[in-house]
Amino acid sequence: MANKLIVSLSPHVHSGDSVQKNMYGVLIALLPALLVSFYMFGLGAVVVTLTSVAACLFFEWAITKYILKRERSTICDGSAALTGVLLAFNVPSNLPIWIIIIGALVAIGIGKMTFGGLGCNPFNPALVGRIFLLISFPVQMTSWPTVQQWASYTDAETGATPLALMKMAVKGDTTALSQLPDTLSLFLGNNPGCVGEVSALALLLGLGYMLWKKIITWHIPVSILATVFVFGYAMHFVDPVKYASGMTHLFTGGLMLGAIFMATDYVTSPMTHKGMIIYGVAIGFLTVVIRLFGAYPEGMSFAIFIMNAFTPLINTYCKPKRFGEVVKK
């Protein structure tokens, strides 16, 4: 008699996870960084964030209804709002509203809906918007307001970011690294930068929340941070005047934001733990390479974008063996 697979009657045990639950879980994890950005950049951070979220929600609704002709709107699942917050976190707090709206259109229209919507996009939509803006509007995207100008927006006083100082050191300025803020300031976020990237502490709180809620696993963020730390210190030992330490690399730029909230995107990251570690190590390595030897001071966005393209290949390489499969020799 053939063996039969016996399945019990419903209801079955399930995890309770859903797209909506996980998306809003990530938004909750972003709250500490959002509050710090409001404190550090004041009105500018508020305007940029609200504009970005509203524009992303509008474009997702409009494209779904009038271009894709779908009856059911997806703006309530949290993915468009999350894209809006992440896009805002990746731009300066004095960015003009019209540029933010263009970035939202590119992120939702090209980065997401062109491929069929959530679950079909090969690249992180917020990264698509950010990279498009960086290439199209380099002056506006590299003008960094200094912190604690609460009432200022477009007329905020600007200053050099820690990444800019690190790039100056690589190019031969022997005094640049000595001008970097102290480690505590970098950790807390008391320095110029993008809206949501400046406070490593706030972003790490978000990481702790997502690990606690099991929204993500540790493999991608830890492998990225460990690679940057080791590679950064290796270069620092080669030439401490020219190259910043691994610890400085960890607390500057979009490294924490990218490692915790963008590289871990379900759709664009590998599915297996082995694949996640390969993916994370490659992102960390590429980030330091671009920071030290590339044209741009920051390499995190480009590193994640490049590895998004390699995700299908990594999934194929790390595909788990099917239960009961006989491997031919």
Protein backbone atom coordinates (compact mmCIF):
# COMPACT_ATOMS: atom_id res chain seq x y z
CA MET A 1 0.00 0.00 0.00
CA ALA A 2 1.40 3.39 -0.97
CA ASN A 3 2.28 5.82 1.77
CA LYS A 4 -0.13 8.70 2.17
CA LEU A 5 0.49 12.20 3.37
CA ILE A 6 -2.10 12.88 6.03
CA VAL A 7 -3.00 16.52 6.66
CA SER A 8 -5.16 17.44 9.64
CA LEU A 9 -8.27 19.51 9.31
CA SER A 10 -8.02 23.27 9.57
CA PRO A 11 -7.37 25.56 11.31
CA HIS A 12 -3.62 25.09 10.88
CA VAL A 13 -0.87 26.72 12.93
CA HIS A 14 0.64 29.73 11.18
CA SER A 15 3.13 32.42 12.07
CA GLY A 16 0.68 35.33 11.84
CA ASP A 17 3.05 37.25 9.56
CA SER A 18 1.72 39.36 6.71
CA VAL A 19 3.11 41.97 4.36
CA GLN A 20 1.19 44.69 6.15
CA LYS A 21 2.35 43.58 9.62
CA ASN A 22 6.01 43.47 8.59
CA MET A 23 5.91 46.79 6.74
CA TYR A 24 4.40 48.60 9.71
CA GLY A 25 6.87 46.80 11.96
CA VAL A 26 9.75 48.32 9.98
CA LEU A 27 8.08 51.74 10.17
CA ILE A 28 7.92 51.39 13.96
CA ALA A 29 11.62 50.47 13.98
CA LEU A 30 12.36 53.67 12.04
CA LEU A 31 10.68 55.89 14.65
CA PRO A 32 13.81 56.48 16.81
CA ALA A 33 15.78 57.65 13.77
CA LEU A 34 12.82 59.75 12.63
CA LEU A 35 12.55 61.51 15.99
CA VAL A 36 16.31 62.14 16.06
CA SER A 37 16.14 63.61 12.54
CA PHE A 38 13.36 65.98 13.64
CA TYR A 39 15.47 67.06 16.61
CA MET A 40 18.70 67.47 14.62
CA PHE A 41 17.31 69.07 11.45
CA GLY A 42 14.02 70.55 12.63
CA LEU A 43 11.55 71.89 10.07
CA GLY A 44 13.56 70.65 7.11
CA ALA A 45 13.34 67.00 8.19
CA VAL A 46 9.59 67.32 8.80
CA VAL A 47 8.93 68.89 5.38
CA VAL A 48 11.11 66.38 3.51
CA THR A 49 9.59 63.34 5.25
CA LEU A 50 5.95 64.39 4.91
CA THR A 51 6.44 65.36 1.26
CA SER A 52 8.18 62.10 0.41
CA VAL A 53 5.59 59.88 2.12
CA ALA A 54 2.62 61.78 0.65
CA ALA A 55 4.12 61.72 -2.85
CA CYS A 56 4.88 57.98 -2.70
CA LEU A 57 1.36 57.19 -1.51
CA PHE A 58 -0.15 59.36 -4.24
CA PHE A 59 1.92 57.90 -7.08
CA GLU A 60 1.26 54.32 -5.99
CA TRP A 61 -2.49 55.02 -5.86
CA ALA A 62 -2.54 56.87 -9.19
CA ILE A 63 -0.43 54.32 -11.08
CA THR A 64 -2.41 51.40 -9.68
CA LYS A 65 -5.77 52.96 -10.55
CA TYR A 66 -5.17 54.77 -13.84
CA ILE A 67 -2.25 52.97 -15.50
CA LEU A 68 -2.38 49.39 -14.23
CA LYS A 69 -6.20 49.56 -14.03
CA ARG A 70 -6.36 47.53 -10.83
CA GLU A 71 -9.46 47.77 -8.68
CA ARG A 72 -7.70 47.12 -5.38
CA SER A 73 -5.30 49.80 -4.09
CA THR A 74 -2.15 48.77 -2.23
CA ILE A 75 -1.42 52.06 -0.47
CA CYS A 76 -2.59 50.68 2.89
CA ASP A 77 -0.14 47.76 3.03
CA GLY A 78 2.62 50.05 4.32
CA SER A 79 5.10 49.48 1.50
CA ALA A 80 4.60 52.86 -0.19
CA ALA A 81 4.80 54.71 3.14
CA LEU A 82 7.99 52.80 3.98
CA THR A 83 9.50 53.71 0.61
CA GLY A 84 8.64 57.35 1.31
CA VAL A 85 10.31 57.35 4.72
CA LEU A 86 13.43 55.58 3.43
CA LEU A 87 13.69 57.96 0.47
CA ALA A 88 13.42 60.93 2.86
CA PHE A 89 16.09 59.38 5.08
CA ASN A 90 18.47 59.31 2.08
CA VAL A 91 18.32 62.99 1.11
CA PRO A 92 19.42 66.27 2.72
CA SER A 93 16.92 68.09 4.92
CA ASN A 94 17.03 71.20 2.68
CA LEU A 95 16.17 69.42 -0.58
CA PRO A 96 13.56 71.37 -2.59
CA ILE A 97 10.06 69.89 -2.56
CA TRP A 98 9.88 69.49 -6.35
CA ILE A 99 13.02 67.34 -6.34
CA ILE A 100 11.59 65.15 -3.57
CA ILE A 101 8.43 64.63 -5.64
CA ILE A 102 10.51 63.60 -8.67
CA GLY A 103 12.41 61.15 -6.49
CA ALA A 104 9.14 59.66 -5.21
CA LEU A 105 7.84 59.28 -8.77
CA VAL A 106 11.01 57.46 -9.84
CA ALA A 107 11.05 55.28 -6.72
CA ILE A 108 7.41 54.18 -7.06
CA GLY A 109 6.87 54.47 -10.81
CA ILE A 110 10.18 53.06 -12.07
CA GLY A 111 11.62 51.23 -9.09
CA LYS A 112 8.44 49.41 -8.10
CA MET A 113 5.30 49.63 -10.26
CA THR A 114 7.08 49.21 -13.61
CA PHE A 115 7.96 45.66 -12.56
CA GLY A 116 4.45 44.86 -11.34
CA GLY A 117 4.43 46.20 -7.80
CA LEU A 118 5.55 44.86 -4.45
CA GLY A 119 7.28 41.50 -4.68
CA CYS A 120 8.31 41.89 -8.33
CA ASN A 121 10.87 44.71 -8.13
CA PRO A 122 14.52 43.61 -8.53
CA PHE A 123 15.91 46.75 -6.87
CA ASN A 124 15.00 48.54 -3.66
CA PRO A 125 12.61 51.33 -4.79
CA ALA A 126 13.94 53.93 -2.33
CA LEU A 127 17.47 53.27 -3.57
CA VAL A 128 16.36 53.69 -7.17
CA GLY A 129 14.92 57.09 -6.28
CA ARG A 130 17.97 58.12 -4.27
CA ILE A 131 20.51 57.13 -6.93
CA PHE A 132 18.46 58.86 -9.64
CA LEU A 133 18.40 62.09 -7.62
CA LEU A 134 22.11 61.86 -6.80
CA ILE A 135 23.02 61.55 -10.48
CA SER A 136 20.45 64.07 -11.74
CA PHE A 137 20.79 66.76 -9.04
CA PRO A 138 24.31 66.35 -7.61
CA VAL A 139 24.56 69.90 -6.23
CA GLN A 140 21.27 69.81 -4.31
CA MET A 141 21.89 66.22 -3.15
CA THR A 142 25.31 67.06 -1.70
CA SER A 143 24.39 70.25 0.16
CA TRP A 144 24.29 69.25 3.83
CA PRO A 145 22.65 71.47 6.49
CA THR A 146 24.36 71.55 9.85
CA VAL A 147 22.38 70.22 12.77
CA GLN A 148 20.06 72.04 15.19
CA GLN A 149 18.71 74.67 12.82
CA TRP A 150 15.14 73.94 13.83
CA ALA A 151 13.36 76.83 12.08
CA SER A 152 15.40 76.72 8.86
CA TYR A 153 14.61 74.83 5.67
CA THR A 154 15.89 75.98 2.27
CA ASP A 155 18.11 78.69 3.79
CA ALA A 156 19.82 76.41 6.31
CA GLU A 157 23.57 76.80 6.83
CA THR A 158 25.50 73.92 5.27
CA GLY A 159 28.73 72.15 6.21
CA ALA A 160 31.02 69.27 5.26
CA THR A 161 29.91 65.78 6.23
CA PRO A 162 32.27 63.26 7.88
CA LEU A 163 32.30 61.29 4.61
CA ALA A 164 33.43 64.39 2.72
CA LEU A 165 36.29 64.85 5.19
CA MET A 166 37.24 61.19 4.81
CA LYS A 167 37.29 61.59 1.01
CA MET A 168 39.48 64.70 1.36
CA ALA A 169 41.94 62.64 3.41
CA VAL A 170 42.06 59.96 0.72
CA LYS A 171 42.85 62.65 -1.84
CA GLY A 172 45.83 63.84 0.18
CA ASP A 173 44.60 66.34 2.78
CA THR A 174 46.62 65.28 5.83
CA THR A 175 44.53 67.40 8.24
CA ALA A 176 41.08 66.18 7.12
CA LEU A 177 40.73 63.25 9.51
CA SER A 178 41.61 65.45 12.47
CA GLN A 179 38.53 67.57 11.66
CA LEU A 180 36.13 64.64 12.04
CA PRO A 181 33.62 64.85 14.91
CA ASP A 182 34.43 62.66 17.89
CA THR A 183 33.11 59.11 18.01
CA LEU A 184 30.32 59.98 20.47
CA SER A 185 29.00 62.75 18.17
CA LEU A 186 29.02 60.36 15.23
CA PHE A 187 27.25 57.70 17.30
CA LEU A 188 24.52 60.09 18.51
CA GLY A 189 24.10 61.93 15.21
CA ASN A 190 25.41 65.41 15.97
CA ASN A 191 26.86 65.96 12.48
CA PRO A 192 25.71 66.92 8.97
CA GLY A 193 24.31 64.22 6.69
CA CYS A 194 21.15 62.80 5.18
CA VAL A 195 17.94 63.14 7.19
CA GLY A 196 17.83 59.65 8.68
CA GLU A 197 21.40 58.40 8.54
CA VAL A 198 23.18 60.50 11.13
CA SER A 199 22.35 58.71 14.40
CA ALA A 200 23.85 55.23 14.65
CA LEU A 201 22.28 54.81 18.10
CA ALA A 202 18.74 55.40 16.81
CA LEU A 203 19.26 53.03 13.89
CA LEU A 204 20.66 50.32 16.18
CA LEU A 205 17.57 50.65 18.37
CA GLY A 206 15.53 49.94 15.26
CA LEU A 207 17.70 46.90 14.53
CA GLY A 208 17.11 45.58 18.02
CA TYR A 209 13.35 45.99 17.62
CA MET A 210 13.27 44.17 14.28
CA LEU A 211 15.40 41.30 15.60
CA TRP A 212 13.16 41.04 18.66
CA LYS A 213 10.03 40.93 16.49
CA LYS A 214 11.78 38.56 14.06
CA ILE A 215 11.06 40.89 11.14
CA ILE A 216 14.61 40.31 9.89
CA THR A 217 17.51 38.04 10.85
CA TRP A 218 21.00 39.12 11.90
CA HIS A 219 22.82 37.71 8.88
CA ILE A 220 22.74 40.66 6.47
CA PRO A 221 23.32 43.62 8.85
CA VAL A 222 25.99 41.84 10.91
CA SER A 223 27.89 40.59 7.85
CA ILE A 224 27.88 44.09 6.32
CA LEU A 225 28.99 45.85 9.51
CA ALA A 226 31.66 43.23 10.30
CA THR A 227 33.11 43.43 6.77
CA VAL A 228 33.26 47.22 6.82
CA PHE A 229 34.84 47.18 10.28
CA VAL A 230 37.56 44.68 9.33
CA PHE A 231 38.30 46.09 5.87
CA GLY A 232 38.22 49.66 7.19
CA TYR A 233 40.73 48.89 9.93
CA ALA A 234 42.94 46.96 7.49
CA MET A 235 43.23 50.06 5.30
CA HIS A 236 43.69 52.25 8.39
CA PHE A 237 46.69 50.19 9.48
CA VAL A 238 48.19 50.62 6.01
CA ASP A 239 48.01 54.43 6.25
CA PRO A 240 46.31 55.95 9.34
CA VAL A 241 46.65 59.49 7.99
CA LYS A 242 44.95 58.72 4.69
CA TYR A 243 42.33 56.17 5.70
CA ALA A 244 39.83 56.47 8.56
CA SER A 245 39.40 53.66 11.08
CA GLY A 246 36.84 50.89 10.76
CA MET A 247 34.87 52.33 13.69
CA THR A 248 34.63 55.69 11.92
CA HIS A 249 33.35 53.97 8.80
CA LEU A 250 30.63 52.25 10.84
CA PHE A 251 29.24 55.48 12.29
CA THR A 252 29.41 57.70 9.19
CA GLY A 253 27.20 58.10 6.16
CA GLY A 254 24.41 55.74 5.28
CA LEU A 255 26.13 52.55 6.41
CA MET A 256 23.87 51.80 9.38
CA LEU A 257 20.73 52.88 7.55
CA GLY A 258 21.59 50.77 4.51
CA ALA A 259 22.74 47.70 6.42
CA ILE A 260 19.73 47.60 8.74
CA PHE A 261 16.80 48.90 6.69
CA MET A 262 17.64 48.76 2.99
CA ALA A 263 19.86 45.76 2.35
CA THR A 264 17.43 43.61 4.38
CA ASP A 265 14.50 44.28 2.04
CA TYR A 266 12.66 40.95 1.61
CA VAL A 267 12.16 41.26 -2.14
CA THR A 268 15.66 42.25 -3.20
CA SER A 269 17.84 40.22 -0.78
CA PRO A 270 18.74 36.49 -0.83
CA MET A 271 16.44 33.93 0.76
CA THR A 272 18.93 31.59 2.48
CA HIS A 273 21.18 32.39 5.43
CA LYS A 274 24.28 31.41 3.47
CA GLY A 275 23.20 33.67 0.62
CA MET A 276 22.53 36.52 3.04
CA ILE A 277 26.06 36.33 4.42
CA ILE A 278 27.60 36.29 0.92
CA TYR A 279 25.38 39.23 -0.01
CA GLY A 280 26.28 41.18 3.15
CA VAL A 281 30.02 40.62 2.86
CA ALA A 282 29.96 41.76 -0.77
CA ILE A 283 27.99 44.92 0.14
CA GLY A 284 30.40 45.76 2.95
CA PHE A 285 33.44 45.25 0.73
CA LEU A 286 32.01 47.29 -2.15
CA THR A 287 30.99 50.09 0.21
CA VAL A 288 34.54 50.58 1.49
CA VAL A 289 36.03 50.24 -2.01
CA ILE A 290 33.71 52.96 -3.37
CA ARG A 291 34.28 55.20 -0.35
CA LEU A 292 38.05 54.98 -0.65
CA PHE A 293 38.65 54.66 -4.39
CA GLY A 294 35.43 55.74 -6.11
CA ALA A 295 34.21 59.11 -7.31
CA TYR A 296 31.55 59.47 -4.60
CA PRO A 297 32.22 59.86 -0.86
CA GLU A 298 29.45 57.36 -0.05
CA GLY A 299 29.27 53.84 -1.47
CA MET A 300 26.45 52.19 0.47
CA SER A 301 23.63 52.92 -1.97
CA PHE A 302 25.62 51.80 -4.99
CA ALA A 303 26.86 48.67 -3.21
CA ILE A 304 23.32 47.56 -2.29
CA PHE A 305 22.07 48.42 -5.78
CA ILE A 306 24.80 46.32 -7.40
CA MET A 307 24.17 43.35 -5.11
CA ASN A 308 20.41 43.57 -5.68
CA ALA A 309 21.23 42.64 -9.27
CA PHE A 310 23.21 39.61 -8.05
CA THR A 311 20.49 38.36 -5.71
CA PRO A 312 18.94 35.90 -8.24
CA LEU A 313 22.40 34.44 -8.92
CA ILE A 314 23.09 34.10 -5.18
CA ASN A 315 19.71 32.42 -4.68
CA THR A 316 20.54 29.94 -7.45
CA TYR A 317 23.99 29.19 -6.00
CA CYS A 318 22.68 28.79 -2.45
CA LYS A 319 19.52 26.90 -3.36
CA PRO A 320 18.88 24.37 -0.57
CA LYS A 321 18.77 20.66 -1.36
CA ARG A 322 15.22 19.34 -1.66
CA PHE A 323 14.24 16.82 1.00
CA GLY A 324 14.78 13.31 -0.34
CA GLU A 325 16.71 14.46 -3.40
CA VAL A 326 19.44 12.09 -4.61
CA VAL A 327 22.56 13.90 -5.76
CA LYS A 328 24.04 12.40 -8.93
CA LYS A 329 27.80 11.91 -8.85
